[in-house]
């Protein structure tokens, strides 16, 4: 800035000197013109020339002096012009230096701005690093708490496992005791006595009166209302067909073969009753039910059919009655266990010995 100011001042001074030189040159020119006028006037008027000779000489001297002064002024102008050019060159150099200084200043300013931005970036990076460090610290604290919680959970699990082990031991002992009790109960079913049910008590190892009456009422029976011969004439070696009408209005047919040498007489005796096959009684595709009317005698024949309400399930499961081989019991088999209680109608026919 000082070099530029000095250059500006030098340029102003040079212009002032140049103006002064021009003014002096103008004055010299005017003097020369006046001298020329005087000389002309002297030539035109000898008298005047004579009179003015001295003036002309004086004017000539003055003109010579003015010419010398003009030359001196011209030299001064040249010198001043040279000084001006020198000052101009210096001013140009100063200007270039100033521009270089300005450029350097701008570069320094840019570098300072870059440094400032870098410092700001470093500050931001430091802030990010600080935040990351705080998060890492928080994560470490959380991990520590998680580890402590896991340790506590493990200790709780260990305690629970020990407790479960103790309970399992108690359950095992209880199960063994229950199994022993169940084994006793399985061999000691309830029994009727003095009109009530007596139940086995495993703790006291004896039967106890439950107070529950054992007067059981069986289901309403379905008897035979009528038996009619609908086909056949009892000819030996032929088969007669009988239609049996039950008390509930249902009917069925039975076939009776007439022996060739039969000589028996008398009516065919028969009864009808129902049996219930409970859904919970099936095991391995079989069920056995008890009834005192089931007699394992050669003179007794049995017709077994499903009740109307059970017929569809009876047929779908392919339930079939086995032959009665033990008095008081009949066994049924199936292909698929039924999903409901089944009611079956049983007709017991009693034949004479001759017809056996």
Protein backbone atom coordinates (compact mmCIF):
# COMPACT_ATOMS: atom_id res chain seq x y z
CA UNK A 1 0.00 0.00 0.00
CA UNK A 2 2.89 2.50 0.79
CA UNK A 3 4.61 1.73 -2.55
CA UNK A 4 1.38 2.37 -4.45
CA UNK A 5 0.84 5.64 -2.57
CA UNK A 6 4.46 6.78 -3.32
CA UNK A 7 4.04 5.88 -6.99
CA UNK A 8 0.81 7.89 -7.11
CA UNK A 9 2.55 10.89 -5.54
CA UNK A 10 5.53 10.65 -7.97
CA UNK A 11 3.15 10.47 -10.94
CA UNK A 12 1.35 13.63 -9.72
CA UNK A 13 4.62 15.53 -9.28
CA UNK A 14 5.79 14.52 -12.76
CA UNK A 15 2.58 15.81 -14.33
CA UNK A 16 2.99 19.13 -12.46
CA UNK A 17 6.60 19.53 -13.69
CA UNK A 18 5.54 18.73 -17.23
CA UNK A 19 2.84 21.43 -17.10
CA UNK A 20 5.36 24.00 -15.82
CA UNK A 21 7.77 23.17 -18.64
CA UNK A 22 4.99 23.54 -21.19
CA UNK A 23 4.05 26.94 -19.72
CA UNK A 24 7.64 28.14 -19.85
CA UNK A 25 7.97 26.93 -23.46
CA UNK A 26 4.83 28.87 -24.32
CA UNK A 27 6.28 32.00 -22.71
CA UNK A 28 9.49 31.60 -24.75
CA UNK A 29 7.50 31.22 -27.93
CA UNK A 30 5.57 34.37 -27.18
CA UNK A 31 8.82 36.24 -26.57
CA UNK A 32 10.22 34.98 -29.84
CA UNK A 33 7.14 36.16 -31.66
CA UNK A 34 7.46 39.61 -30.10
CA UNK A 35 11.10 39.78 -31.17
CA UNK A 36 10.16 38.89 -34.70
CA UNK A 37 7.54 41.59 -34.71
CA UNK A 38 10.04 44.12 -33.51
CA UNK A 39 12.53 43.11 -36.19
CA UNK A 40 9.87 43.48 -38.83
CA UNK A 41 8.94 46.86 -37.49
CA UNK A 42 12.62 47.92 -37.57
CA UNK A 43 12.97 46.85 -41.22
CA UNK A 44 9.90 48.80 -42.29
CA UNK A 45 10.88 51.93 -40.46
CA UNK A 46 14.54 52.81 -40.52
CA UNK A 47 13.84 55.67 -38.24
CA UNK A 48 12.06 53.51 -35.97
CA UNK A 49 14.77 50.94 -36.46
CA UNK A 50 17.36 53.50 -35.64
CA UNK A 51 15.37 54.62 -32.72
CA UNK A 52 14.65 51.24 -31.79
CA UNK A 53 18.07 49.79 -32.61
CA UNK A 54 18.99 49.85 -29.12
CA UNK A 55 15.61 48.39 -28.29
CA UNK A 56 16.11 45.82 -31.01
CA UNK A 57 19.53 45.01 -29.71
CA UNK A 58 18.04 44.79 -26.34
CA UNK A 59 15.19 42.75 -27.74
CA UNK A 60 17.67 40.64 -29.67
CA UNK A 61 19.61 40.09 -26.52
CA UNK A 62 16.41 39.31 -24.76
CA UNK A 63 15.39 37.02 -27.56
CA UNK A 64 18.76 35.30 -27.42
CA UNK A 65 18.37 35.05 -23.76
CA UNK A 66 14.81 33.83 -24.23
CA UNK A 67 16.03 31.32 -26.80
CA UNK A 68 18.67 30.12 -24.38
CA UNK A 69 16.06 29.96 -21.72
CA UNK A 70 13.76 28.13 -24.13
CA UNK A 71 16.51 25.64 -24.90
CA UNK A 72 17.23 25.32 -21.24
CA UNK A 73 13.50 24.85 -20.63
CA UNK A 74 13.44 22.27 -23.40
CA UNK A 75 16.34 20.46 -21.76
CA UNK A 76 14.52 20.69 -18.48
CA UNK A 77 11.38 19.33 -20.17
CA UNK A 78 13.43 16.42 -21.54
CA UNK A 79 14.89 15.86 -18.12
CA UNK A 80 11.49 16.12 -16.52
CA UNK A 81 10.05 13.81 -19.20
CA UNK A 82 12.85 11.33 -18.50
CA UNK A 83 12.15 11.68 -14.79
CA UNK A 84 8.46 11.22 -15.50
CA UNK A 85 9.17 8.13 -17.57
CA UNK A 86 11.43 6.82 -14.83
CA UNK A 87 8.76 7.62 -12.25
CA UNK A 88 6.15 6.02 -14.55
CA UNK A 89 8.26 2.88 -14.82
CA UNK A 90 8.69 2.95 -11.08
CA UNK A 91 4.96 3.54 -10.70
CA UNK A 92 4.30 0.61 -13.06
CA UNK A 93 6.73 -1.53 -11.09
CA UNK A 94 5.13 -0.33 -7.87
CA UNK A 95 1.71 -1.04 -9.37
CA UNK A 96 2.82 -4.53 -10.39
CA UNK A 97 4.32 -5.03 -6.94
CA UNK A 98 1.08 -3.78 -5.44
CA UNK A 99 -0.92 -6.17 -7.65
CA UNK A 100 1.49 -8.97 -6.70
CA UNK A 101 1.08 -8.01 -3.06
CA UNK A 102 -2.68 -7.93 -3.57
CA UNK A 103 -2.54 -11.36 -5.23
CA UNK A 104 -0.37 -12.66 -2.42
CA UNK A 105 -2.74 -11.11 0.09
CA UNK A 106 -5.72 -12.76 -1.61
CA UNK A 107 -3.86 -16.09 -1.74
CA UNK A 108 -2.99 -15.67 1.94
CA UNK A 109 -6.62 -14.85 2.62
CA UNK A 110 -7.73 -17.98 0.68
CA UNK A 111 -5.17 -20.08 2.52
CA UNK A 112 -6.39 -18.57 5.78
CA UNK A 113 -9.97 -19.40 4.77
CA UNK A 114 -8.88 -22.94 3.85
CA UNK A 115 -7.05 -23.20 7.14
CA UNK A 116 -10.13 -21.87 8.88
CA UNK A 117 -12.32 -24.45 7.07
CA UNK A 118 -9.78 -27.15 7.91
CA UNK A 119 -9.83 -26.03 11.51
CA UNK A 120 -13.64 -26.09 11.42
CA UNK A 121 -13.54 -29.59 9.87
CA UNK A 122 -11.07 -30.68 12.51
CA UNK A 123 -13.38 -29.24 15.13
CA UNK A 124 -16.33 -31.10 13.64
CA UNK A 125 -14.26 -34.30 13.40
CA UNK A 126 -13.24 -33.83 17.01
CA UNK A 127 -16.89 -33.31 17.94
CA UNK A 128 -17.88 -36.47 16.01
CA UNK A 129 -15.08 -38.40 17.68
CA UNK A 130 -16.21 -37.09 21.05
CA UNK A 131 -19.81 -38.12 20.30
CA UNK A 132 -18.64 -41.56 19.12
CA UNK A 133 -16.58 -41.92 22.28
CA UNK A 134 -19.61 -41.03 24.40
CA UNK A 135 -21.75 -43.53 22.47
CA UNK A 136 -19.06 -46.18 22.89
CA UNK A 137 -19.00 -45.38 26.58
CA UNK A 138 -22.80 -45.70 26.74
CA UNK A 139 -22.64 -48.98 24.79
CA UNK A 140 -20.01 -50.26 27.17
CA UNK A 141 -22.20 -49.32 30.13
CA UNK A 142 -25.20 -51.01 28.46
CA UNK A 143 -23.11 -54.12 27.72
CA UNK A 144 -21.99 -54.14 31.34
CA UNK A 145 -25.59 -53.91 32.52
CA UNK A 146 -26.59 -56.64 30.03
CA UNK A 147 -23.80 -58.87 31.29
CA UNK A 148 -24.90 -58.25 34.87
CA UNK A 149 -28.51 -59.03 33.90
CA UNK A 150 -27.38 -62.18 32.08
CA UNK A 151 -25.39 -63.22 35.13
CA UNK A 152 -28.41 -62.63 37.36
CA UNK A 153 -30.62 -64.54 34.89
CA UNK A 154 -28.12 -67.40 34.85
CA UNK A 155 -28.10 -67.50 38.63
CA UNK A 156 -31.92 -67.42 38.63
CA UNK A 157 -31.98 -70.19 36.00
CA UNK A 158 -29.58 -72.23 38.13
CA UNK A 159 -31.82 -71.74 41.17
CA UNK A 160 -34.90 -72.61 39.09
CA UNK A 161 -33.14 -75.70 37.73
CA UNK A 162 -32.27 -76.84 41.24
CA UNK A 163 -35.83 -76.17 42.34
CA UNK A 164 -37.15 -78.03 39.28
CA UNK A 165 -34.81 -80.90 40.07
CA UNK A 166 -36.17 -81.06 43.62
CA UNK A 167 -39.73 -80.86 42.32
CA UNK A 168 -38.94 -83.54 39.72
CA UNK A 169 -37.67 -85.76 42.52
CA UNK A 170 -40.83 -85.07 44.49
CA UNK A 171 -42.93 -85.73 41.36
CA UNK A 172 -41.01 -88.93 40.72
CA UNK A 173 -41.67 -90.08 44.28
CA UNK A 174 -45.29 -88.99 43.98
CA UNK A 175 -45.62 -90.76 40.62
CA UNK A 176 -44.15 -93.93 42.04
CA UNK A 177 -46.58 -93.71 44.93
CA UNK A 178 -49.46 -92.97 42.53
CA UNK A 179 -48.42 -95.89 40.32
CA UNK A 180 -48.40 -98.18 43.33
CA UNK A 181 -51.78 -96.85 44.39
CA UNK A 182 -53.13 -97.23 40.84
CA UNK A 183 -51.82 -100.77 40.73
CA UNK A 184 -53.72 -101.51 43.95
CA UNK A 185 -56.88 -99.87 42.62
CA UNK A 186 -56.64 -101.77 39.33
CA UNK A 187 -56.77 -105.03 41.29
CA UNK A 188 -59.38 -103.75 43.71
CA UNK A 189 -62.34 -102.51 41.67
CA UNK A 190 -65.43 -101.11 43.42
CA UNK A 191 -67.84 -103.81 44.60
CA UNK A 192 -71.48 -103.78 45.69
CA UNK A 193 -72.09 -104.74 49.32
CA UNK A 194 -75.15 -104.27 51.52
CA UNK A 195 -76.84 -102.12 48.90
CA UNK A 196 -73.97 -99.62 48.44
CA UNK A 197 -70.71 -99.43 46.55
CA UNK A 198 -67.56 -100.24 48.55
CA UNK A 199 -64.32 -98.63 47.29
CA UNK A 200 -60.76 -99.74 48.00
CA UNK A 201 -58.70 -97.31 50.12
CA UNK A 202 -54.97 -97.70 49.38
CA UNK A 203 -53.88 -95.80 52.49
CA UNK A 204 -55.92 -97.97 54.86
CA UNK A 205 -55.51 -101.10 52.73
CA UNK A 206 -59.19 -102.03 52.95
CA UNK A 207 -62.60 -101.46 51.34
CA UNK A 208 -64.64 -98.51 52.64
CA UNK A 209 -68.35 -97.82 52.22
CA UNK A 210 -68.84 -94.94 49.78
CA UNK A 211 -72.51 -94.53 50.70
CA UNK A 212 -73.49 -94.61 47.03
CA UNK A 213 -76.46 -96.88 46.37
CA UNK A 214 -75.83 -99.68 43.91
CA UNK A 215 -79.39 -100.32 42.88
CA UNK A 216 -78.72 -99.90 39.19
CA UNK A 217 -81.51 -99.63 36.67
CA UNK A 218 -80.72 -100.96 33.24
CA UNK A 219 -81.91 -99.44 30.00
CA UNK A 220 -85.45 -100.08 28.82
CA UNK A 221 -85.54 -103.36 26.91
CA UNK A 222 -86.93 -103.94 23.46
CA UNK A 223 -88.91 -107.19 23.45
CA UNK A 224 -90.44 -109.40 20.80
CA UNK A 225 -94.03 -108.51 20.16
CA UNK A 226 -94.81 -111.09 17.50
CA UNK A 227 -93.14 -113.81 15.38
CA UNK A 228 -94.84 -114.96 12.20
CA UNK A 229 -93.91 -117.50 9.56
CA UNK A 230 -93.76 -115.53 6.33
CA UNK A 231 -92.18 -118.19 4.09
CA UNK A 232 -91.86 -121.97 4.22
CA UNK A 233 -93.98 -124.92 5.37
CA UNK A 234 -91.65 -126.75 7.76
CA UNK A 235 -90.79 -129.34 5.11
CA UNK A 236 -87.75 -131.30 6.26
CA UNK A 237 -84.59 -130.13 4.56
CA UNK A 238 -86.03 -126.68 3.79
CA UNK A 239 -85.68 -123.32 5.44
CA UNK A 240 -88.53 -121.34 6.92
CA UNK A 241 -88.44 -117.54 7.15
CA UNK A 242 -89.89 -115.85 10.20
CA UNK A 243 -90.64 -112.14 10.57
CA UNK A 244 -90.04 -110.89 14.08
CA UNK A 245 -91.87 -107.73 15.20
CA UNK A 246 -90.32 -105.96 18.19
CA UNK A 247 -92.15 -103.96 20.84
CA UNK A 248 -90.68 -100.73 19.41
CA UNK A 249 -92.30 -101.50 16.03
CA UNK A 250 -89.12 -102.56 14.22
CA UNK A 251 -89.05 -105.84 12.33
CA UNK A 252 -86.42 -108.36 11.25
CA UNK A 253 -86.37 -111.75 9.61
CA UNK A 254 -84.76 -114.97 10.78
CA UNK A 255 -84.13 -118.20 8.97
CA UNK A 256 -84.81 -121.61 10.53
CA UNK A 257 -83.59 -124.73 8.84
CA UNK A 258 -85.92 -127.73 9.08
CA UNK A 259 -83.90 -130.87 9.81
CA UNK A 260 -84.66 -133.85 7.63
CA UNK A 261 -85.17 -136.15 10.58
CA UNK A 262 -86.60 -133.64 12.98
CA UNK A 263 -89.33 -134.89 15.24
CA UNK A 264 -89.35 -132.15 17.84
CA UNK A 265 -92.49 -130.33 18.88
CA UNK A 266 -93.24 -127.10 20.67
CA UNK A 267 -92.78 -123.38 20.09
CA UNK A 268 -89.54 -121.44 19.63
CA UNK A 269 -88.90 -119.37 22.72
CA UNK A 270 -87.11 -116.01 22.44
CA UNK A 271 -86.39 -112.76 24.23
CA UNK A 272 -85.08 -109.41 23.01
CA UNK A 273 -82.88 -106.93 24.85
CA UNK A 274 -80.47 -104.09 24.16
CA UNK A 275 -76.78 -103.74 24.88
CA UNK A 276 -74.81 -100.51 25.00
CA UNK A 277 -71.25 -100.45 23.64
CA UNK A 278 -69.61 -97.43 25.34
CA UNK A 279 -67.21 -95.40 23.21
CA UNK A 280 -64.56 -95.51 25.97
CA UNK A 281 -64.61 -99.31 26.22
CA UNK A 282 -62.87 -100.12 22.92
CA UNK A 283 -59.31 -101.44 23.08
CA UNK A 284 -57.30 -102.82 20.17
CA UNK A 285 -60.42 -102.92 18.02
CA UNK A 286 -62.47 -104.99 20.50
CA UNK A 287 -64.95 -104.51 23.33
CA UNK A 288 -66.54 -107.02 25.70
CA UNK A 289 -69.83 -106.29 27.50
CA UNK A 290 -71.47 -108.29 30.22
CA UNK A 291 -75.12 -109.31 30.59
CA UNK A 292 -76.58 -112.26 32.49
CA UNK A 293 -78.97 -113.04 29.62
CA UNK A 294 -76.09 -114.08 27.42
CA UNK A 295 -75.97 -117.89 27.73
CA UNK A 296 -73.29 -119.98 26.06
CA UNK A 297 -75.61 -122.93 25.26
CA UNK A 298 -76.03 -124.93 22.05
CA UNK A 299 -79.81 -124.53 22.31
CA UNK A 300 -79.57 -120.71 22.16
CA UNK A 301 -79.06 -118.66 19.02
CA UNK A 302 -78.56 -114.89 18.94
CA UNK A 303 -79.53 -112.27 16.40
CA UNK A 304 -77.55 -109.05 16.83
CA UNK A 305 -78.27 -105.84 14.92
CA UNK A 306 -77.65 -102.12 15.46
CA UNK A 307 -80.33 -99.85 16.82
CA UNK A 308 -81.64 -97.35 14.29
CA UNK A 309 -79.87 -94.42 16.00
CA UNK A 310 -76.53 -96.25 15.90
CA UNK A 311 -76.85 -98.05 12.57
CA UNK A 312 -74.84 -95.63 10.42
CA UNK A 313 -71.84 -95.55 12.80
CA UNK A 314 -72.17 -99.33 13.38
CA UNK A 315 -71.95 -100.10 9.65
CA UNK A 316 -69.25 -97.47 8.90
CA UNK A 317 -66.95 -98.92 11.58
CA UNK A 318 -67.82 -102.50 10.45
CA UNK A 319 -68.77 -103.64 13.97
CA UNK A 320 -69.44 -107.38 14.24
CA UNK A 321 -70.39 -109.64 17.15
CA UNK A 322 -68.30 -112.69 17.93
CA UNK A 323 -69.82 -116.02 19.03
CA UNK A 324 -70.69 -116.28 22.71
CA UNK A 325 -68.29 -118.76 24.28
CA UNK A 326 -68.55 -117.65 27.90
CA UNK A 327 -71.87 -117.20 29.68
CA UNK A 328 -72.55 -113.59 30.61
CA UNK A 329 -70.21 -112.00 28.06
CA UNK A 330 -70.18 -111.09 24.37
CA UNK A 331 -67.31 -109.60 22.41
CA UNK A 332 -67.55 -107.21 19.45
CA UNK A 333 -64.77 -106.32 16.97
CA UNK A 334 -64.41 -103.44 14.49
CA UNK A 335 -62.22 -102.00 11.75
CA UNK A 336 -62.34 -98.48 13.23
CA UNK A 337 -63.21 -97.44 16.78
CA UNK A 338 -66.61 -95.70 16.89
CA UNK A 339 -66.82 -92.09 18.02
CA UNK A 340 -70.09 -92.54 19.96
CA UNK A 341 -71.88 -95.02 22.21
CA UNK A 342 -73.58 -97.74 20.17
CA UNK A 343 -76.84 -99.45 21.05
CA UNK A 344 -77.39 -102.95 19.64
CA UNK A 345 -80.56 -105.07 19.64
CA UNK A 346 -80.12 -108.70 20.65
CA UNK A 347 -82.70 -111.45 20.06
CA UNK A 348 -82.06 -114.70 21.93
CA UNK A 349 -83.81 -117.70 20.43
CA UNK A 350 -84.17 -120.88 22.46
CA UNK A 351 -84.67 -124.06 20.46
CA UNK A 352 -85.79 -127.47 21.59
CA UNK A 353 -83.21 -130.21 21.94
CA UNK A 354 -84.51 -131.95 18.84
CA UNK A 355 -83.96 -128.85 16.80
CA UNK A 356 -80.43 -128.36 18.00
